[in-house]
Amino acid sequence: MPEVPCAGPCNSRYRRLTAEYEAACAKYEQALTVYTPGTGQEPPEPPESPDIQPWLGNPWCPKCQATIHQELGELDDLAAIIAARPPLASSTADESAGRVSGTRDHPSPSSRMDDLEELNGWLRNWESAYRGDDPRPRRGYLAKESTTIIAWLVSHFEPCITHPDLATDFGSETRRWHRELLGRARAGTIDKHQKRPCPRCKLYTLWARDGEDYVRCINTDCNRRMTREEFKELPSVVLVALGSLSV
């Protein structure tokens, strides 16, 4: 399979600049249609192509493959954390975490079990797709079933994440499930805005979550992460120059 631009966040900036360049080219072509030489008009300037190359993959780059591999393995832990929550846990926390897309129109009294049931159905379908047979019937209890299928997918991860027809959807959906379950498992934790500019994009988009050992930039075109130690070592002169408050 030939290498293609990776679909992961590593190419967020590349996709944004490419879209902006294509839009500028369209405006340039439109300007040429109304430009008349010899009338004193300045000819339109063609847009400058962005000086950036995408990260390539098959279809995911090695860095994104590693991230998806880790997040796939963590689905089992997240499912276990959610299953261990008290059956009568606050519905407000569930609602604030958001429902996983595609859940039932008429959920059971336990929305967490609905999500775990849907997760296991998703896992069964992907195992079936890679095995090339019909989905296997449910086996064991929810936690045991998810553990079994996730273990199989992790052990066959390389052919799964490089499959020419299935890998893009498999990786994207794995990341979505990890994001959704992480939100549910950490319902009630607090995100705190850090009053310092991101050292990469220079925006005030740094946030830290209780229990995590890193600070992240929520600017999707940046996605910078740093340890809390690295964050503390940011030059204080930056804070003075930009008029920020120290943390």
Protein backbone atom coordinates (compact mmCIF):
# COMPACT_ATOMS: atom_id res chain seq x y z
CA MET A 1 0.00 0.00 0.00
CA PRO A 2 1.54 3.37 -1.01
CA GLU A 3 2.08 5.93 1.71
CA VAL A 4 -0.58 8.64 2.02
CA PRO A 5 -0.94 11.68 4.31
CA CYS A 6 -1.75 10.40 7.78
CA ALA A 7 -5.33 11.06 8.91
CA GLY A 8 -4.24 11.81 12.48
CA PRO A 9 -3.72 15.04 14.40
CA CYS A 10 -0.08 15.13 13.28
CA ASN A 11 -1.36 16.62 10.00
CA SER A 12 -3.82 19.14 11.47
CA ARG A 13 -1.66 22.10 10.46
CA TYR A 14 -0.98 20.61 7.03
CA ARG A 15 -4.71 20.13 6.37
CA ARG A 16 -5.52 23.66 7.54
CA LEU A 17 -2.82 25.32 5.42
CA THR A 18 -3.71 23.20 2.40
CA ALA A 19 -7.39 24.17 2.69
CA GLU A 20 -6.44 27.85 3.02
CA TYR A 21 -4.17 27.59 -0.03
CA GLU A 22 -6.89 25.92 -2.11
CA ALA A 23 -9.35 28.65 -1.11
CA ALA A 24 -6.80 31.33 -2.04
CA CYS A 25 -6.23 29.65 -5.42
CA ALA A 26 -9.96 29.72 -6.10
CA LYS A 27 -10.06 33.46 -5.30
CA TYR A 28 -7.04 34.00 -7.54
CA GLU A 29 -8.69 32.20 -10.45
CA GLN A 30 -11.82 34.28 -9.91
CA ALA A 31 -9.77 37.50 -9.87
CA LEU A 32 -8.14 36.54 -13.18
CA THR A 33 -11.53 36.30 -14.88
CA VAL A 34 -12.23 40.01 -14.22
CA TYR A 35 -8.69 41.30 -14.74
CA THR A 36 -8.14 43.24 -17.97
CA PRO A 37 -4.51 43.94 -18.95
CA GLY A 38 -3.66 47.48 -20.08
CA THR A 39 -6.30 49.19 -17.96
CA GLY A 40 -3.97 50.25 -15.16
CA GLN A 41 -5.20 47.50 -12.87
CA GLU A 42 -2.67 45.65 -10.80
CA PRO A 43 -2.66 41.99 -11.81
CA PRO A 44 -3.74 39.63 -9.03
CA GLU A 45 -0.93 38.01 -7.12
CA PRO A 46 -0.96 34.23 -7.14
CA PRO A 47 -1.06 32.68 -3.67
CA GLU A 48 2.11 31.24 -2.24
CA SER A 49 2.12 27.52 -1.75
CA PRO A 50 2.53 26.56 1.92
CA ASP A 51 6.00 25.34 2.79
CA ILE A 52 4.91 22.23 4.63
CA GLN A 53 4.97 18.50 3.96
CA PRO A 54 2.51 16.02 5.45
CA TRP A 55 3.44 13.13 7.69
CA LEU A 56 2.95 9.98 5.62
CA GLY A 57 1.61 6.61 6.70
CA ASN A 58 0.01 3.33 5.63
CA PRO A 59 -2.51 4.88 6.28
CA TRP A 60 -1.40 6.01 9.78
CA CYS A 61 2.07 7.35 10.56
CA PRO A 62 4.16 5.45 13.17
CA LYS A 63 3.43 8.05 15.87
CA CYS A 64 -0.35 7.85 15.39
CA GLN A 65 -0.16 4.04 15.19
CA ALA A 66 1.52 4.00 18.59
CA THR A 67 -1.15 6.31 20.03
CA ILE A 68 -4.01 4.19 18.63
CA HIS A 69 -2.35 1.01 19.90
CA GLN A 70 -2.13 2.46 23.41
CA GLU A 71 -5.70 3.80 23.34
CA LEU A 72 -7.05 0.46 22.09
CA GLY A 73 -5.47 -1.33 25.03
CA GLU A 74 -6.80 1.28 27.46
CA LEU A 75 -10.41 0.68 26.34
CA ASP A 76 -10.52 -2.38 28.58
CA ASP A 77 -9.39 -0.40 31.64
CA LEU A 78 -11.86 2.39 30.90
CA ALA A 79 -14.70 -0.10 30.45
CA ALA A 80 -13.84 -1.68 33.80
CA ILE A 81 -13.78 1.71 35.55
CA ILE A 82 -17.18 2.60 34.12
CA ALA A 83 -18.65 -0.81 34.98
CA ALA A 84 -17.42 -0.42 38.56
CA ARG A 85 -19.32 2.80 39.14
CA PRO A 86 -22.32 2.46 41.47
CA PRO A 87 -25.53 1.59 39.57
CA LEU A 88 -27.25 4.66 40.98
CA ALA A 89 -24.41 7.06 40.16
CA SER A 90 -25.51 10.61 39.43
CA SER A 91 -27.21 10.90 36.05
CA THR A 92 -25.98 14.47 35.89
CA ALA A 93 -22.40 13.26 35.63
CA ASP A 94 -23.40 10.86 32.83
CA GLU A 95 -25.16 13.58 30.89
CA SER A 96 -22.30 16.04 31.27
CA ALA A 97 -19.87 13.48 29.86
CA GLY A 98 -22.01 13.12 26.74
CA ARG A 99 -23.49 10.08 25.09
CA VAL A 100 -21.47 7.96 22.70
CA SER A 101 -22.83 8.58 19.22
CA GLY A 102 -25.16 5.92 17.93
CA THR A 103 -26.57 4.86 21.29
CA ARG A 104 -30.13 3.69 21.66
CA ASP A 105 -33.08 6.07 21.39
CA HIS A 106 -34.61 4.39 24.46
CA PRO A 107 -31.73 3.76 26.88
CA SER A 108 -31.99 1.45 29.85
CA PRO A 109 -32.04 2.89 33.39
CA SER A 110 -28.23 2.41 33.42
CA SER A 111 -26.70 4.46 30.63
CA ARG A 112 -23.23 3.22 31.52
CA MET A 113 -24.26 -0.36 30.74
CA ASP A 114 -25.80 0.80 27.47
CA ASP A 115 -22.45 2.28 26.49
CA LEU A 116 -20.56 -0.88 27.47
CA GLU A 117 -23.01 -3.01 25.51
CA GLU A 118 -22.51 -0.77 22.47
CA LEU A 119 -18.73 -0.93 22.94
CA ASN A 120 -18.84 -4.72 22.91
CA GLY A 121 -20.99 -4.72 19.78
CA TRP A 122 -18.45 -2.43 18.13
CA LEU A 123 -15.60 -4.71 19.19
CA ARG A 124 -17.42 -7.82 17.90
CA ASN A 125 -17.96 -6.17 14.52
CA TRP A 126 -14.30 -5.22 14.13
CA GLU A 127 -13.11 -8.67 15.19
CA SER A 128 -15.49 -10.13 12.62
CA ALA A 129 -14.31 -7.75 9.89
CA TYR A 130 -10.67 -8.70 10.40
CA ARG A 131 -11.37 -12.41 10.78
CA GLY A 132 -13.57 -12.34 7.69
CA ASP A 133 -16.55 -14.13 9.23
CA ASP A 134 -19.87 -13.33 10.89
CA PRO A 135 -19.81 -11.60 14.28
CA ARG A 136 -19.30 -14.11 17.04
CA PRO A 137 -22.12 -14.46 19.57
CA ARG A 138 -21.75 -12.68 22.88
CA ARG A 139 -19.47 -14.57 25.21
CA GLY A 140 -19.04 -14.06 28.95
CA TYR A 141 -20.05 -10.99 30.88
CA LEU A 142 -19.51 -7.49 29.47
CA ALA A 143 -16.10 -6.92 31.05
CA LYS A 144 -14.86 -10.40 30.15
CA GLU A 145 -16.05 -10.07 26.56
CA SER A 146 -14.41 -6.69 26.05
CA THR A 147 -11.17 -7.99 27.59
CA THR A 148 -11.13 -10.98 25.27
CA ILE A 149 -11.81 -9.08 22.05
CA ILE A 150 -9.52 -6.15 22.88
CA ALA A 151 -6.74 -8.64 23.64
CA TRP A 152 -7.27 -10.25 20.22
CA LEU A 153 -7.25 -6.89 18.40
CA VAL A 154 -4.14 -5.74 20.27
CA SER A 155 -2.31 -8.98 19.45
CA HIS A 156 -3.23 -8.55 15.76
CA PHE A 157 -2.75 -4.80 15.79
CA GLU A 158 -0.20 -4.47 12.98
CA PRO A 159 -2.34 -6.11 10.26
CA CYS A 160 -5.40 -4.30 11.63
CA ILE A 161 -3.86 -0.81 11.56
CA THR A 162 -2.32 -1.28 8.10
CA HIS A 163 -5.30 -2.93 6.37
CA PRO A 164 -5.81 -1.00 3.09
CA ASP A 165 -9.60 -0.95 3.37
CA LEU A 166 -10.32 -0.96 7.10
CA ALA A 167 -7.42 0.72 8.92
CA THR A 168 -8.55 4.34 8.56
CA ASP A 169 -12.01 3.71 10.04
CA PHE A 170 -10.66 1.33 12.68
CA GLY A 171 -8.13 3.87 13.93
CA SER A 172 -10.56 6.80 13.88
CA GLU A 173 -13.27 4.88 15.70
CA THR A 174 -10.81 3.56 18.29
CA ARG A 175 -9.78 7.13 19.08
CA ARG A 176 -13.43 8.23 19.31
CA TRP A 177 -14.30 5.43 21.72
CA HIS A 178 -11.27 6.18 23.86
CA ARG A 179 -12.18 9.87 24.01
CA GLU A 180 -15.81 9.14 24.91
CA LEU A 181 -15.06 6.53 27.56
CA LEU A 182 -12.32 8.68 29.04
CA GLY A 183 -14.86 11.45 29.51
CA ARG A 184 -17.23 9.10 31.30
CA ALA A 185 -14.59 7.47 33.46
CA ARG A 186 -13.34 10.87 34.59
CA ALA A 187 -16.72 12.53 35.13
CA GLY A 188 -16.32 15.00 37.96
CA THR A 189 -12.64 15.77 37.40
CA ILE A 190 -11.68 19.41 36.92
CA ASP A 191 -9.92 21.03 33.97
CA LYS A 192 -7.95 24.12 34.96
CA HIS A 193 -6.91 26.88 32.58
CA GLN A 194 -3.23 27.74 32.82
CA LYS A 195 -2.51 31.46 32.52
CA ARG A 196 0.53 31.08 30.32
CA PRO A 197 0.82 31.09 26.52
CA CYS A 198 1.57 27.86 24.72
CA PRO A 199 5.27 27.88 23.73
CA ARG A 200 4.38 26.54 20.28
CA CYS A 201 1.29 28.47 19.09
CA LYS A 202 1.62 31.40 21.57
CA LEU A 203 -2.10 31.23 22.42
CA TYR A 204 -3.56 31.06 25.91
CA THR A 205 -4.93 27.57 25.29
CA LEU A 206 -3.08 25.51 27.91
CA TRP A 207 -5.20 23.37 30.23
CA ALA A 208 -4.38 20.82 32.92
CA ARG A 209 -6.65 18.12 34.31
CA ASP A 210 -6.60 16.87 37.89
CA GLY A 211 -4.80 13.55 38.07
CA GLU A 212 -2.86 13.99 34.82
CA ASP A 213 0.89 14.63 34.82
CA TYR A 214 0.92 16.80 31.71
CA VAL A 215 -0.40 20.13 30.44
CA ARG A 216 -2.06 20.17 27.02
CA CYS A 217 -2.82 22.81 24.41
CA ILE A 218 -6.42 22.57 23.21
CA ASN A 219 -5.69 24.47 19.99
CA THR A 220 -6.36 21.71 17.45
CA ASP A 221 -3.73 23.12 15.09
CA CYS A 222 -1.10 22.79 17.81
CA ASN A 223 -1.94 19.92 20.22
CA ARG A 224 1.25 20.58 22.20
CA ARG A 225 1.71 18.48 25.33
CA MET A 226 4.31 18.97 28.00
CA THR A 227 4.98 17.59 31.43
CA ARG A 228 4.10 19.72 34.43
CA GLU A 229 7.83 20.10 35.04
CA GLU A 230 8.33 21.47 31.52
CA PHE A 231 5.40 23.81 32.06
CA LYS A 232 6.92 25.17 35.27
CA GLU A 233 10.20 25.79 33.44
CA LEU A 234 8.65 28.07 30.80
CA PRO A 235 10.67 31.32 30.76
CA SER A 236 9.22 33.85 33.18
CA VAL A 237 10.21 36.62 30.73
CA VAL A 238 7.41 35.39 28.47
CA LEU A 239 4.91 36.01 31.25
CA VAL A 240 6.21 39.53 31.86
CA ALA A 241 6.27 40.41 28.17
CA LEU A 242 2.74 39.20 27.60
CA GLY A 243 1.36 40.50 30.87
CA SER A 244 0.25 37.10 32.14
CA LEU A 245 -0.31 36.16 35.72
CA SER A 246 1.92 33.59 37.25
CA VAL A 247 0.35 30.31 38.26
